[in-house]
Amino acid sequence: MSEPAITLYRLQACPFCERVVRTLDEYGLDYRSRFVEPMHSERDVVKRLTGKRTVPAIVDETTGITMSESANIVEYIERTYGNEAAAAEQGGEA
């Protein structure tokens, strides 16, 4: 089985991260969670990807998008995958 195209970098019990998780789940998207260091100054993996140490951060291999900030990520998911999810529920294609 192949790895999901979406990787979510997150913290345990982070409300901003949970907002993104709910949106990914709402659209039925497969994703991989990578839990990062709780200490802001030690989140080097996230900084290498996005230029910031903030979470949540997402990498979508399908579109080549890498971004942070939960509001931006939720908007991206809705814009990119929203029509596909709506079409699947109606039995059509996007």
Foldseek 3Di string as FASTA:
>chain_A
DDAFQKEWEEAPPDPLSVLLVVLCVVLPGDYHYDYADPDLVRQVVLCVQEVHSDDGWMAGNVVRDTGHDSVVSSVCCCVPRVVQSVQVVVVHGD
